[in-house]
Amino acid sequence: MLIQLRIRDFAIVEALELELATGMTAVTGETGAGKSILVDAIGLLLGDRADSGVIRHGAERADLSAAFDLEQLPAARAWLAERDLDRDRECHLRRVVVAGNGRSRNYINGVPQPAQALRELGELLVDIHGQHEHQSLLRRDAQRQLLDDYAGHQALAATVAEQYRSWSRLRQELRQLQQISSERDARLDILRHHLRELAALNLAKGEVVELESEQRRLAHASQLLDTGQQLLNILTEGDDNAIADRLTHSLRELDGLIRLDVRLTPVSELLNAALIQLQEAGSELRDYVQALDLDPAHLARVEQRMTAAHHLARKHRLAAEDLPGLRNRFEAELDTLEHSETRLEDLQQAVQETLAGYRTSAGQLSEQRAAAARDLAERISQTLAGLGMPGGRLSIALEPLDKPTPGGLETVEFLVSANPGQPLRPLAKVVSGGELSRISLAIQVITAHAARIPTLIFDEVDTGIGGGVAEVVGRELRALGGNRQVLCVTHLPQVAAQAHQQFKVEKQIDGESTHTQVLALAADERITEIARMLGGLELTANTLAHAREMVEGALAMATGGKR
């Protein structure tokens, strides 16, 4: 639900902040006051094309933002979560259009996003009814979903979609295996040749690192032996100049001194510990020197194996340490190819069985859709007559498809004839914005229980109507507002009187500048505004009484009372 809208320097609005509520909200004002500015601003926030022409004259940029409550919008929350844009139960959209190049900066919950992201998310947040690209009912996939939701086919439609995905996945796997099978013999020969080479080398995992370490040690064995023996002599095995001997002599001298001053005892203890460490290091070094291998033949064998490993690695264009993994992959591929005939048969059977299951479910869905389409079309057509379109009718065409699709075996398209004698045309080709809004209203009224988008905006819904029809339109909008948020731009008092709350758009001319402001009307202010809408330059007691009667009558009817 849209809970807040902020506008700065947009069109002829300098600054505006609105708090929006549930129910039906009417937006009224004199002709030319700019009632559609709110709709245009919301459209821009939902990804409409931006240019510098939307910026208020004299300003450097237009800045628009909106806040939405997502508590009842799981699809929008999921969309945000997939992109790491979720933020508690609210969503904040912002768009800044800069003068000059007309480019815009777009934000979702404070994170910069492309305009396409606004459009995708916008389709889950708001539905604008009129001559507007955000009209979801103009899309065939939305029409199909609406029909399924109306008739309660969601579970069966989900089954059909899942069966299609399974069939498509198996078919792709079958195609790949068939392609592999066509080259099977040649590939088998290549794999077996590669595996013979890898098996002959028989390189173990991690062996390359060990070989490189051993090669370095063997290549420098003489240096290691000479230097190691020199260090051993210095530490423990030299004549009387070995460090261990000199340290032993020093300890004997120190023992004599301790008898004179016991405070030297800690020094003696530290030197004794050092002597023990020195003797252990000498022992380790002695073992190392004695174990050194000076065998040139061993070095040659190590270098020969390293050369073979690097040669084979270059052949396969990978690092030598990756050869054991390559062998495992080749063995797995060889096993797949050697058993491909059996797998091919299994896959072919699985594809046929999955497709048969899909066609059974899709056939059931087609039958149920056909019955639901007749019922829904008839109910919408009856509603159109009460909305000032006598003779108008809606039909739902189900066109069979040659190939399976995730949505079933037919397309769903809403066709409408606005006037008697006119042929049925796709809903997307209805020219009149007023007619399109009323058709959309009829559809929304009949399918209200299946609604997915909680915020509806109706622009030009009352174009070309008046009197009793206008009151019917207002009642239907108010009824939608019982469980949806409805924003309606209207110039008819019969429609405005049915609203739960009302905004008034005013244009103010101050010297050489023009400003528009939007006011939330209190109860008495609503009466005055509706009286103005009833006509006449002066507000008389009669028009005020009539306006009050209309508002009170709408409330009485909504609460089950009598006028």
Protein backbone atom coordinates (compact mmCIF):
# COMPACT_ATOMS: atom_id res chain seq x y z
CA MET A 1 0.00 0.00 0.00
CA LEU A 2 1.19 3.52 -0.83
CA ILE A 3 1.56 5.35 2.47
CA GLN A 4 3.53 8.49 1.59
CA LEU A 5 4.29 10.58 -1.50
CA ARG A 6 6.77 13.45 -1.63
CA ILE A 7 7.23 15.74 -4.62
CA ARG A 8 9.62 18.64 -5.10
CA ASP A 9 9.98 20.82 -8.21
CA PHE A 10 7.89 18.53 -10.41
CA ALA A 11 5.75 20.12 -13.17
CA ILE A 12 4.15 23.10 -11.38
CA VAL A 13 4.51 21.61 -7.88
CA GLU A 14 7.17 23.30 -5.78
CA ALA A 15 6.89 21.08 -2.70
CA LEU A 16 4.31 18.53 -1.66
CA GLU A 17 4.03 15.79 0.95
CA LEU A 18 0.98 13.54 1.24
CA GLU A 19 0.08 10.82 3.71
CA LEU A 20 -2.23 8.27 2.11
CA ALA A 21 -4.66 5.89 3.77
CA THR A 22 -6.58 2.77 2.88
CA GLY A 23 -10.00 2.94 1.27
CA MET A 24 -11.08 5.20 -1.59
CA THR A 25 -9.41 8.59 -1.97
CA ALA A 26 -10.85 11.10 -4.44
CA VAL A 27 -8.60 13.73 -6.05
CA THR A 28 -10.60 16.74 -7.20
CA GLY A 29 -10.02 20.30 -8.33
CA GLU A 30 -10.95 22.77 -11.00
CA THR A 31 -10.18 22.03 -14.65
CA GLY A 32 -6.55 22.83 -15.37
CA ALA A 33 -5.53 22.74 -11.73
CA GLY A 34 -3.30 19.72 -12.38
CA LYS A 35 -5.27 16.84 -10.86
CA SER A 36 -3.30 14.29 -12.87
CA ILE A 37 0.04 15.51 -11.50
CA LEU A 38 -0.17 12.94 -8.69
CA VAL A 39 -0.75 10.15 -11.20
CA ASP A 40 2.13 11.40 -13.36
CA ALA A 41 4.44 11.57 -10.34
CA ILE A 42 3.58 8.03 -9.25
CA GLY A 43 4.03 6.85 -12.85
CA LEU A 44 7.50 8.39 -12.94
CA LEU A 45 8.40 6.66 -9.67
CA LEU A 46 7.25 3.39 -11.23
CA GLY A 47 9.64 3.72 -14.15
CA ASP A 48 7.96 5.96 -16.74
CA ARG A 49 10.32 7.65 -19.18
CA ALA A 50 11.88 10.76 -17.66
CA ASP A 51 13.00 13.97 -19.39
CA SER A 52 13.87 17.48 -18.31
CA GLY A 53 10.37 18.69 -19.24
CA VAL A 54 9.02 17.34 -15.94
CA ILE A 55 11.20 19.75 -13.90
CA ARG A 56 9.50 22.87 -12.55
CA HIS A 57 10.53 25.99 -14.45
CA GLY A 58 13.56 27.59 -12.83
CA ALA A 59 14.53 24.52 -10.80
CA GLU A 60 17.65 22.39 -11.32
CA ARG A 61 16.04 19.03 -10.68
CA ALA A 62 12.82 17.25 -9.79
CA ASP A 63 12.93 14.99 -6.73
CA LEU A 64 10.17 12.44 -6.10
CA SER A 65 9.88 9.70 -3.49
CA ALA A 66 7.26 7.28 -2.24
CA ALA A 67 6.96 4.84 0.66
CA PHE A 68 5.02 1.57 0.47
CA ASP A 69 3.86 -0.80 3.20
CA LEU A 70 4.65 -4.35 2.01
CA GLU A 71 2.91 -6.30 4.76
CA GLN A 72 0.40 -7.78 2.29
CA LEU A 73 2.73 -7.90 -0.72
CA PRO A 74 4.72 -11.16 -0.57
CA ALA A 75 5.62 -10.97 -4.26
CA ALA A 76 7.22 -7.53 -3.82
CA ARG A 77 9.07 -8.67 -0.68
CA ALA A 78 10.40 -11.70 -2.56
CA TRP A 79 11.51 -9.48 -5.48
CA LEU A 80 13.43 -7.22 -3.10
CA ALA A 81 14.94 -10.14 -1.16
CA GLU A 82 16.28 -11.74 -4.36
CA ARG A 83 18.23 -8.54 -5.02
CA ASP A 84 19.29 -7.90 -1.40
CA LEU A 85 17.12 -4.77 -1.32
CA ASP A 86 14.66 -5.81 1.40
CA ARG A 87 14.18 -3.49 4.35
CA ASP A 88 11.73 -4.56 7.04
CA ARG A 89 8.10 -4.16 5.92
CA GLU A 90 8.51 -0.90 3.98
CA CYS A 91 9.89 -0.05 0.57
CA HIS A 92 11.11 3.42 -0.44
CA LEU A 93 11.37 4.53 -4.06
CA ARG A 94 13.10 7.73 -5.14
CA ARG A 95 13.74 9.32 -8.50
CA VAL A 96 15.73 12.47 -9.25
CA VAL A 97 15.53 14.04 -12.72
CA VAL A 98 18.31 16.51 -13.51
CA ALA A 99 17.91 19.55 -15.79
CA GLY A 100 19.91 19.69 -18.98
CA ASN A 101 20.25 16.10 -20.15
CA GLY A 102 17.05 14.98 -18.42
CA ARG A 103 18.73 11.89 -17.04
CA SER A 104 17.43 10.39 -13.84
CA ARG A 105 18.93 8.77 -10.78
CA ASN A 106 16.80 6.00 -9.37
CA TYR A 107 16.86 4.42 -5.91
CA ILE A 108 15.15 1.48 -4.24
CA ASN A 109 15.58 1.53 -0.47
CA GLY A 110 18.49 3.94 -0.93
CA VAL A 111 20.37 1.72 -3.41
CA PRO A 112 20.93 3.06 -6.97
CA GLN A 113 18.97 1.03 -9.53
CA PRO A 114 18.18 1.25 -13.27
CA ALA A 115 14.75 2.48 -14.38
CA GLN A 116 13.91 -1.06 -15.50
CA ALA A 117 14.11 -2.19 -11.87
CA LEU A 118 11.55 0.49 -10.93
CA ARG A 119 9.25 -0.80 -13.67
CA GLU A 120 9.57 -4.42 -12.55
CA LEU A 121 8.92 -3.61 -8.91
CA GLY A 122 6.23 -1.07 -9.80
CA GLU A 123 4.13 -3.75 -11.47
CA LEU A 124 3.91 -5.48 -8.08
CA LEU A 125 3.04 -2.32 -6.13
CA VAL A 126 0.54 -0.20 -8.07
CA ASP A 127 -1.90 -0.66 -10.94
CA ILE A 128 -2.78 2.53 -12.83
CA HIS A 129 -5.98 2.33 -14.85
CA GLY A 130 -6.37 4.62 -17.82
CA GLN A 131 -4.21 5.39 -20.84
CA HIS A 132 -1.09 4.36 -19.01
CA GLU A 133 1.66 1.78 -19.51
CA HIS A 134 1.33 0.54 -15.92
CA GLN A 135 -2.09 -0.93 -16.71
CA SER A 136 -1.35 -4.56 -15.88
CA LEU A 137 -4.62 -5.75 -17.42
CA LEU A 138 -3.28 -4.85 -20.86
CA ARG A 139 -0.77 -7.71 -20.66
CA ARG A 140 -1.89 -11.15 -21.77
CA ASP A 141 0.02 -12.93 -19.03
CA ALA A 142 -1.74 -10.74 -16.42
CA GLN A 143 -5.11 -11.52 -18.03
CA ARG A 144 -4.36 -15.26 -17.86
CA GLN A 145 -3.31 -14.95 -14.22
CA LEU A 146 -6.42 -12.94 -13.38
CA LEU A 147 -8.66 -15.62 -14.94
CA ASP A 148 -6.90 -18.37 -13.01
CA ASP A 149 -7.05 -16.41 -9.75
CA TYR A 150 -10.75 -15.62 -10.27
CA ALA A 151 -11.60 -19.29 -10.79
CA GLY A 152 -9.22 -20.66 -8.12
CA HIS A 153 -6.99 -22.46 -10.61
CA GLN A 154 -3.74 -21.38 -8.93
CA ALA A 155 -2.73 -24.85 -7.76
CA LEU A 156 -3.46 -26.51 -11.10
CA ALA A 157 -1.72 -23.68 -12.99
CA ALA A 158 1.33 -24.07 -10.73
CA THR A 159 1.35 -27.82 -11.43
CA VAL A 160 1.23 -27.18 -15.18
CA ALA A 161 4.12 -24.71 -14.93
CA GLU A 162 6.23 -27.13 -12.87
CA GLN A 163 5.52 -30.01 -15.26
CA TYR A 164 6.54 -27.79 -18.16
CA ARG A 165 9.83 -26.92 -16.45
CA SER A 166 10.53 -30.61 -15.78
CA TRP A 167 9.72 -31.56 -19.37
CA SER A 168 11.85 -28.73 -20.74
CA ARG A 169 14.79 -29.69 -18.51
CA LEU A 170 14.61 -33.37 -19.49
CA ARG A 171 14.26 -32.49 -23.18
CA GLN A 172 17.36 -30.30 -23.01
CA GLU A 173 19.28 -33.10 -21.32
CA LEU A 174 18.06 -35.54 -24.00
CA ARG A 175 19.20 -33.22 -26.81
CA GLN A 176 22.63 -32.92 -25.25
CA LEU A 177 22.93 -36.68 -24.85
CA GLN A 178 21.76 -37.25 -28.42
CA GLN A 179 24.40 -34.83 -29.67
CA ILE A 180 27.02 -36.60 -27.59
CA SER A 181 25.84 -39.99 -28.85
CA SER A 182 26.24 -38.91 -32.47
CA GLU A 183 29.93 -38.32 -31.76
CA ARG A 184 30.14 -41.17 -29.29
CA ASP A 185 32.63 -43.51 -30.97
CA ALA A 186 35.14 -40.81 -31.82
CA ARG A 187 34.90 -39.36 -28.32
CA LEU A 188 35.34 -42.80 -26.74
CA ASP A 189 38.59 -43.34 -28.65
CA ILE A 190 39.89 -39.94 -27.56
CA LEU A 191 38.94 -40.50 -23.93
CA ARG A 192 40.54 -43.93 -23.79
CA HIS A 193 43.77 -42.59 -25.31
CA HIS A 194 43.90 -39.72 -22.79
CA LEU A 195 43.16 -42.07 -19.90
CA ARG A 196 45.96 -44.46 -20.96
CA GLU A 197 48.42 -41.55 -20.82
CA LEU A 198 47.11 -40.38 -17.47
CA ALA A 199 47.12 -43.91 -16.06
CA ALA A 200 50.70 -44.45 -17.25
CA LEU A 201 51.77 -41.33 -15.42
CA ASN A 202 49.52 -42.23 -12.47
CA LEU A 203 50.03 -38.88 -10.79
CA ALA A 204 48.61 -38.75 -7.28
CA LYS A 205 46.79 -35.74 -5.87
CA GLY A 206 49.31 -33.34 -4.35
CA GLU A 207 52.25 -35.24 -5.84
CA VAL A 208 53.43 -32.36 -8.04
CA VAL A 209 54.08 -30.19 -4.98
CA GLU A 210 56.01 -33.02 -3.35
CA LEU A 211 58.06 -33.60 -6.51
CA GLU A 212 58.98 -29.92 -6.76
CA SER A 213 60.08 -29.91 -3.12
CA GLU A 214 62.14 -33.09 -3.57
CA GLN A 215 63.75 -31.77 -6.74
CA ARG A 216 64.88 -28.60 -4.97
CA ARG A 217 66.34 -30.66 -2.13
CA LEU A 218 68.18 -33.13 -4.40
CA ALA A 219 69.53 -30.39 -6.69
CA HIS A 220 71.07 -28.60 -3.69
CA ALA A 221 72.06 -31.68 -1.68
CA SER A 222 75.80 -30.84 -1.67
CA GLN A 223 75.17 -27.32 -0.37
CA LEU A 224 72.76 -28.64 2.25
CA LEU A 225 75.31 -31.30 3.37
CA ASP A 226 78.29 -28.94 3.57
CA THR A 227 76.49 -26.14 5.35
CA GLY A 228 74.66 -28.56 7.64
CA GLN A 229 77.98 -30.17 8.73
CA GLN A 230 79.51 -26.73 9.34
CA LEU A 231 76.60 -25.74 11.57
CA LEU A 232 76.84 -29.07 13.39
CA ASN A 233 80.51 -28.47 14.12
CA ILE A 234 79.79 -25.00 15.43
CA LEU A 235 76.98 -26.18 17.66
CA THR A 236 78.06 -29.50 19.12
CA GLU A 237 80.78 -31.45 17.26
CA GLY A 238 83.68 -29.04 17.02
CA ASP A 239 86.75 -29.25 19.22
CA ASP A 240 86.70 -27.27 22.45
CA ASN A 241 85.28 -24.28 20.53
CA ALA A 242 81.82 -25.86 19.96
CA ILE A 243 79.07 -23.76 21.46
CA ALA A 244 77.79 -26.69 23.53
CA ASP A 245 81.23 -27.29 25.07
CA ARG A 246 81.76 -23.61 25.83
CA LEU A 247 78.29 -23.39 27.40
CA THR A 248 79.01 -26.46 29.57
CA HIS A 249 82.25 -24.87 30.78
CA SER A 250 80.42 -21.61 31.57
CA LEU A 251 77.81 -23.48 33.63
CA ARG A 252 80.56 -25.07 35.76
CA GLU A 253 82.02 -21.61 36.42
CA LEU A 254 78.56 -20.30 37.27
CA ASP A 255 77.93 -23.11 39.77
CA GLY A 256 80.94 -21.88 41.75
CA LEU A 257 79.56 -18.36 41.78
CA ILE A 258 76.10 -19.49 42.94
CA ARG A 259 77.70 -20.80 46.14
CA LEU A 260 78.74 -17.21 46.74
CA ASP A 261 75.42 -15.58 45.65
CA VAL A 262 72.22 -17.60 45.15
CA ARG A 263 70.67 -14.79 43.14
CA LEU A 264 72.51 -16.22 40.11
CA THR A 265 70.38 -19.37 40.26
CA PRO A 266 67.80 -18.18 37.65
CA VAL A 267 70.67 -17.45 35.23
CA SER A 268 71.95 -20.97 35.69
CA GLU A 269 68.49 -22.43 35.06
CA LEU A 270 68.07 -20.48 31.81
CA LEU A 271 71.52 -21.55 30.56
CA ASN A 272 70.80 -25.19 31.41
CA ALA A 273 67.56 -24.99 29.40
CA ALA A 274 69.46 -23.41 26.51
CA LEU A 275 72.05 -26.21 26.64
CA ILE A 276 69.31 -28.84 26.41
CA GLN A 277 67.73 -27.07 23.37
CA LEU A 278 71.16 -26.77 21.75
CA GLN A 279 71.90 -30.47 22.20
CA GLU A 280 68.46 -31.43 20.76
CA ALA A 281 69.00 -29.14 17.75
CA GLY A 282 72.40 -30.73 17.18
CA SER A 283 70.86 -34.22 17.30
CA GLU A 284 68.15 -33.24 14.77
CA LEU A 285 70.75 -31.64 12.47
CA ARG A 286 72.99 -34.75 12.71
CA ASP A 287 70.11 -37.01 11.66
CA TYR A 288 69.27 -34.67 8.76
CA VAL A 289 72.86 -34.58 7.45
CA GLN A 290 73.20 -38.34 7.66
CA ALA A 291 69.93 -38.85 5.75
CA LEU A 292 70.78 -36.52 2.86
CA ASP A 293 70.62 -38.28 -0.52
CA LEU A 294 73.41 -37.46 -2.96
CA ASP A 295 72.22 -40.00 -5.55
CA PRO A 296 72.25 -38.28 -9.01
CA ALA A 297 70.14 -41.10 -10.43
CA HIS A 298 67.34 -40.33 -7.95
CA LEU A 299 67.44 -36.66 -8.96
CA ALA A 300 67.23 -37.67 -12.63
CA ARG A 301 64.17 -39.83 -11.96
CA VAL A 302 62.40 -37.01 -10.08
CA GLU A 303 63.14 -34.47 -12.84
CA GLN A 304 62.04 -36.94 -15.52
CA ARG A 305 58.65 -37.44 -13.75
CA MET A 306 58.18 -33.69 -13.35
CA THR A 307 58.92 -33.16 -17.04
CA ALA A 308 56.37 -35.83 -18.00
CA ALA A 309 53.72 -34.25 -15.77
CA HIS A 310 54.25 -30.73 -17.18
CA HIS A 311 54.27 -32.02 -20.75
CA LEU A 312 50.92 -33.76 -20.28
CA ALA A 313 49.51 -30.70 -18.50
CA ARG A 314 50.47 -28.43 -21.43
CA LYS A 315 48.75 -30.84 -23.78
CA HIS A 316 45.50 -30.42 -21.88
CA ARG A 317 46.07 -26.70 -21.18
CA LEU A 318 45.95 -26.86 -17.41
CA ALA A 319 48.29 -26.86 -14.42
CA ALA A 320 50.17 -30.09 -13.66
CA GLU A 321 48.55 -30.32 -10.21
CA ASP A 322 45.12 -30.49 -11.92
CA LEU A 323 45.92 -33.70 -13.82
CA PRO A 324 44.45 -36.08 -11.17
CA GLY A 325 41.15 -34.16 -11.31
CA LEU A 326 41.18 -34.30 -15.12
CA ARG A 327 41.59 -38.06 -14.93
CA ASN A 328 38.53 -38.31 -12.68
CA ARG A 329 36.47 -36.20 -15.10
CA PHE A 330 37.53 -38.26 -18.10
CA GLU A 331 36.67 -41.47 -16.26
CA ALA A 332 33.21 -40.12 -15.40
CA GLU A 333 32.61 -39.03 -19.01
CA LEU A 334 33.79 -42.40 -20.28
CA ASP A 335 31.37 -44.15 -17.94
CA THR A 336 28.50 -41.90 -19.14
CA LEU A 337 29.29 -42.60 -22.81
CA GLU A 338 29.67 -46.32 -22.31
CA HIS A 339 26.22 -46.37 -20.69
CA SER A 340 24.70 -43.66 -22.88
CA GLU A 341 22.46 -46.01 -24.82
CA THR A 342 20.68 -47.06 -21.63
CA ARG A 343 20.53 -43.46 -20.38
CA LEU A 344 19.23 -42.33 -23.77
CA GLU A 345 16.36 -44.79 -23.61
CA ASP A 346 15.57 -43.80 -20.02
CA LEU A 347 15.56 -40.11 -20.93
CA GLN A 348 13.34 -40.62 -23.96
CA GLN A 349 10.83 -42.46 -21.82
CA ALA A 350 11.02 -39.79 -19.09
CA VAL A 351 10.44 -37.00 -21.64
CA GLN A 352 7.39 -38.79 -23.04
CA GLU A 353 5.94 -39.52 -19.60
CA THR A 354 6.52 -35.94 -18.39
CA LEU A 355 4.94 -34.49 -21.53
CA ALA A 356 1.96 -36.81 -21.17
CA GLY A 357 1.51 -35.67 -17.56
CA TYR A 358 1.79 -32.05 -18.66
CA ARG A 359 -0.82 -32.49 -21.40
CA THR A 360 -3.22 -34.16 -18.96
CA SER A 361 -2.91 -31.32 -16.42
CA ALA A 362 -2.94 -28.64 -19.12
CA GLY A 363 -6.03 -30.22 -20.67
CA GLN A 364 -7.84 -30.08 -17.32
CA LEU A 365 -6.75 -26.46 -16.94
CA SER A 366 -8.03 -25.64 -20.44
CA GLU A 367 -11.48 -27.08 -19.64
CA GLN A 368 -11.71 -25.19 -16.37
CA ARG A 369 -10.49 -21.98 -17.98
CA ALA A 370 -13.12 -22.22 -20.71
CA ALA A 371 -15.92 -22.53 -18.13
CA ALA A 372 -14.51 -19.76 -15.94
CA ALA A 373 -13.96 -17.47 -18.96
CA ARG A 374 -17.64 -17.66 -19.94
CA ASP A 375 -18.76 -16.90 -16.39
CA LEU A 376 -16.28 -14.07 -15.84
CA ALA A 377 -17.01 -12.45 -19.22
CA GLU A 378 -20.75 -12.53 -18.57
CA ARG A 379 -20.44 -10.97 -15.13
CA ILE A 380 -18.10 -8.21 -16.36
CA SER A 381 -20.42 -7.45 -19.29
CA GLN A 382 -23.36 -7.05 -16.90
CA THR A 383 -21.31 -4.70 -14.75
CA LEU A 384 -20.33 -2.58 -17.79
CA ALA A 385 -23.97 -1.74 -18.42
CA GLY A 386 -24.25 -0.20 -14.97
CA LEU A 387 -21.08 1.83 -15.54
CA GLY A 388 -22.44 3.81 -18.45
CA MET A 389 -21.54 1.40 -21.24
CA PRO A 390 -24.93 -0.09 -22.28
CA GLY A 391 -24.39 -2.72 -24.91
CA GLY A 392 -20.73 -2.98 -23.99
CA ARG A 393 -19.51 -6.51 -23.61
CA LEU A 394 -16.36 -8.36 -22.75
CA SER A 395 -15.31 -11.73 -24.10
CA ILE A 396 -12.35 -13.87 -23.07
CA ALA A 397 -10.71 -15.62 -26.01
CA LEU A 398 -8.78 -18.84 -25.45
CA GLU A 399 -6.57 -19.52 -28.47
CA PRO A 400 -5.01 -23.02 -28.64
CA LEU A 401 -1.24 -23.24 -28.95
CA ASP A 402 0.71 -25.73 -31.04
CA LYS A 403 3.49 -26.10 -28.48
CA PRO A 404 3.52 -26.44 -24.68
CA THR A 405 4.18 -23.31 -22.63
CA PRO A 406 4.54 -22.70 -18.89
CA GLY A 407 1.09 -21.08 -18.93
CA GLY A 408 -0.70 -24.00 -20.56
CA LEU A 409 -1.91 -24.93 -24.02
CA GLU A 410 -3.71 -21.68 -24.86
CA THR A 411 -3.34 -17.94 -24.72
CA VAL A 412 -5.85 -15.85 -22.78
CA GLU A 413 -6.91 -12.50 -24.15
CA PHE A 414 -9.61 -10.09 -22.99
CA LEU A 415 -11.62 -8.72 -25.93
CA VAL A 416 -14.06 -5.84 -25.53
CA SER A 417 -16.72 -4.02 -27.50
CA ALA A 418 -17.48 -0.67 -25.90
CA ASN A 419 -20.64 0.02 -27.93
CA PRO A 420 -23.38 -2.04 -29.62
CA GLY A 421 -22.47 -3.07 -33.15
CA GLN A 422 -18.75 -2.59 -32.65
CA PRO A 423 -16.54 -5.64 -33.13
CA LEU A 424 -14.64 -7.17 -30.25
CA ARG A 425 -11.10 -5.79 -29.98
CA PRO A 426 -8.19 -6.57 -27.65
CA LEU A 427 -8.39 -4.64 -24.39
CA ALA A 428 -4.97 -3.14 -25.14
CA LYS A 429 -6.40 -1.39 -28.23
CA VAL A 430 -9.22 0.47 -26.49
CA VAL A 431 -8.60 4.09 -27.46
CA SER A 432 -10.68 6.00 -24.94
CA GLY A 433 -9.04 6.46 -21.57
CA GLY A 434 -12.44 6.79 -19.89
CA GLU A 435 -13.75 3.60 -21.45
CA LEU A 436 -10.59 1.72 -20.55
CA SER A 437 -10.83 2.92 -16.95
CA ARG A 438 -14.46 1.84 -16.65
CA ILE A 439 -13.72 -1.55 -18.23
CA SER A 440 -10.84 -1.95 -15.80
CA LEU A 441 -13.12 -0.94 -12.94
CA ALA A 442 -15.68 -3.58 -13.96
CA ILE A 443 -12.96 -6.23 -14.10
CA GLN A 444 -11.55 -5.19 -10.72
CA VAL A 445 -15.02 -5.20 -9.12
CA ILE A 446 -15.80 -8.74 -10.27
CA THR A 447 -12.34 -10.13 -9.47
CA ALA A 448 -11.71 -8.20 -6.24
CA HIS A 449 -11.42 -11.41 -4.19
CA ALA A 450 -8.49 -12.53 -6.36
CA ALA A 451 -6.54 -9.25 -6.19
CA ARG A 452 -2.76 -9.37 -6.03
CA ILE A 453 -1.98 -5.64 -6.23
CA PRO A 454 -3.44 -3.64 -3.30
CA THR A 455 -3.14 -0.12 -4.74
CA LEU A 456 -5.33 0.92 -7.70
CA ILE A 457 -5.28 4.33 -9.37
CA PHE A 458 -8.13 5.32 -11.69
CA ASP A 459 -7.58 8.26 -14.03
CA GLU A 460 -10.39 9.56 -16.28
CA VAL A 461 -12.74 6.88 -14.93
CA ASP A 462 -15.72 9.25 -15.21
CA THR A 463 -15.05 10.69 -18.66
CA GLY A 464 -18.27 10.95 -20.66
CA ILE A 465 -20.68 9.95 -17.88
CA GLY A 466 -22.85 11.71 -15.34
CA GLY A 467 -25.96 11.45 -13.23
CA GLY A 468 -26.93 8.04 -11.94
CA VAL A 469 -24.13 6.26 -13.82
CA ALA A 470 -21.57 8.46 -12.08
CA GLU A 471 -23.04 7.48 -8.71
CA VAL A 472 -22.81 3.80 -9.65
CA VAL A 473 -19.17 4.28 -10.62
CA GLY A 474 -18.53 5.97 -7.30
CA ARG A 475 -20.20 3.16 -5.37
CA GLU A 476 -18.14 0.54 -7.14
CA LEU A 477 -14.95 2.46 -6.42
CA ARG A 478 -15.92 2.76 -2.76
CA ALA A 479 -16.69 -0.97 -2.65
CA LEU A 480 -13.21 -1.69 -4.04
CA GLY A 481 -11.82 0.56 -1.32
CA GLY A 482 -13.25 -1.82 1.25
CA ASN A 483 -10.24 -4.12 0.85
CA ARG A 484 -7.98 -2.19 -1.50
CA GLN A 485 -6.38 1.23 -1.67
CA VAL A 486 -8.12 3.19 -4.43
CA LEU A 487 -6.96 6.60 -5.67
CA CYS A 488 -9.40 8.20 -8.13
CA VAL A 489 -8.90 11.42 -10.08
CA THR A 490 -12.41 12.75 -10.77
CA HIS A 491 -14.37 15.85 -11.74
CA LEU A 492 -17.77 14.43 -10.81
CA PRO A 493 -19.32 15.15 -7.40
CA GLN A 494 -21.24 11.85 -7.51
CA VAL A 495 -17.93 9.98 -7.57
CA ALA A 496 -16.11 12.21 -5.08
CA ALA A 497 -18.97 11.95 -2.57
CA GLN A 498 -18.45 8.19 -2.33
CA ALA A 499 -14.80 8.51 -1.23
CA HIS A 500 -13.54 7.73 2.25
CA GLN A 501 -11.22 10.74 2.04
CA GLN A 502 -10.56 13.51 -0.45
CA PHE A 503 -7.67 15.63 -1.74
CA LYS A 504 -8.19 18.95 -3.47
CA VAL A 505 -5.74 20.19 -6.08
CA GLU A 506 -5.43 23.98 -6.30
CA LYS A 507 -3.49 26.12 -8.74
CA GLN A 508 -2.17 29.40 -7.37
CA ILE A 509 -0.82 32.24 -9.48
CA ASP A 510 1.49 34.57 -7.59
CA GLY A 511 2.84 37.36 -9.75
CA GLU A 512 4.66 35.64 -12.60
CA SER A 513 4.82 32.16 -11.04
CA THR A 514 2.27 29.35 -10.92
CA HIS A 515 2.12 26.76 -8.15
CA THR A 516 -0.05 23.75 -7.46
CA GLN A 517 -0.79 22.46 -3.99
CA VAL A 518 -2.75 19.44 -2.80
CA LEU A 519 -4.84 19.73 0.35
CA ALA A 520 -6.29 16.93 2.46
CA LEU A 521 -9.88 18.00 3.11
CA ALA A 522 -11.63 17.80 6.46
CA ALA A 523 -15.31 16.83 6.60
CA ASP A 524 -16.70 20.38 6.24
CA GLU A 525 -14.14 21.20 3.54
CA ARG A 526 -15.30 18.14 1.58
CA ILE A 527 -18.86 19.46 1.63
CA THR A 528 -17.69 22.81 0.27
CA GLU A 529 -15.59 21.20 -2.49
CA ILE A 530 -18.37 18.87 -3.61
CA ALA A 531 -20.78 21.83 -3.64
CA ARG A 532 -18.34 23.64 -5.93
CA MET A 533 -18.26 20.57 -8.19
CA LEU A 534 -22.07 20.58 -8.38
CA GLY A 535 -21.83 23.84 -10.34
CA GLY A 536 -22.39 27.54 -10.09
CA LEU A 537 -20.11 30.44 -9.33
CA GLU A 538 -21.62 30.96 -5.89
CA LEU A 539 -22.11 28.39 -3.16
CA THR A 540 -25.72 28.58 -2.08
CA ALA A 541 -27.42 26.97 0.87
CA ASN A 542 -29.11 24.58 -1.56
CA THR A 543 -25.88 23.38 -3.18
CA LEU A 544 -24.23 22.97 0.22
CA ALA A 545 -27.23 21.00 1.47
CA HIS A 546 -27.17 18.85 -1.65
CA ALA A 547 -23.45 18.19 -1.20
CA ARG A 548 -23.97 17.23 2.44
CA GLU A 549 -26.82 14.92 1.47
CA MET A 550 -24.60 13.17 -1.13
CA VAL A 551 -21.78 12.55 1.34
CA GLU A 552 -24.09 11.42 4.13
CA GLY A 553 -26.04 9.25 1.70
CA ALA A 554 -22.85 7.53 0.54
CA LEU A 555 -21.90 6.84 4.15
CA ALA A 556 -25.39 5.54 4.98
CA MET A 557 -25.44 3.19 2.01
CA ALA A 558 -21.94 1.92 2.82
CA THR A 559 -22.98 1.14 6.40
CA GLY A 560 -26.27 -0.48 5.38
CA GLY A 561 -28.50 2.44 6.32
CA LYS A 562 -31.14 4.21 4.27
CA ARG A 563 -31.00 7.61 2.70
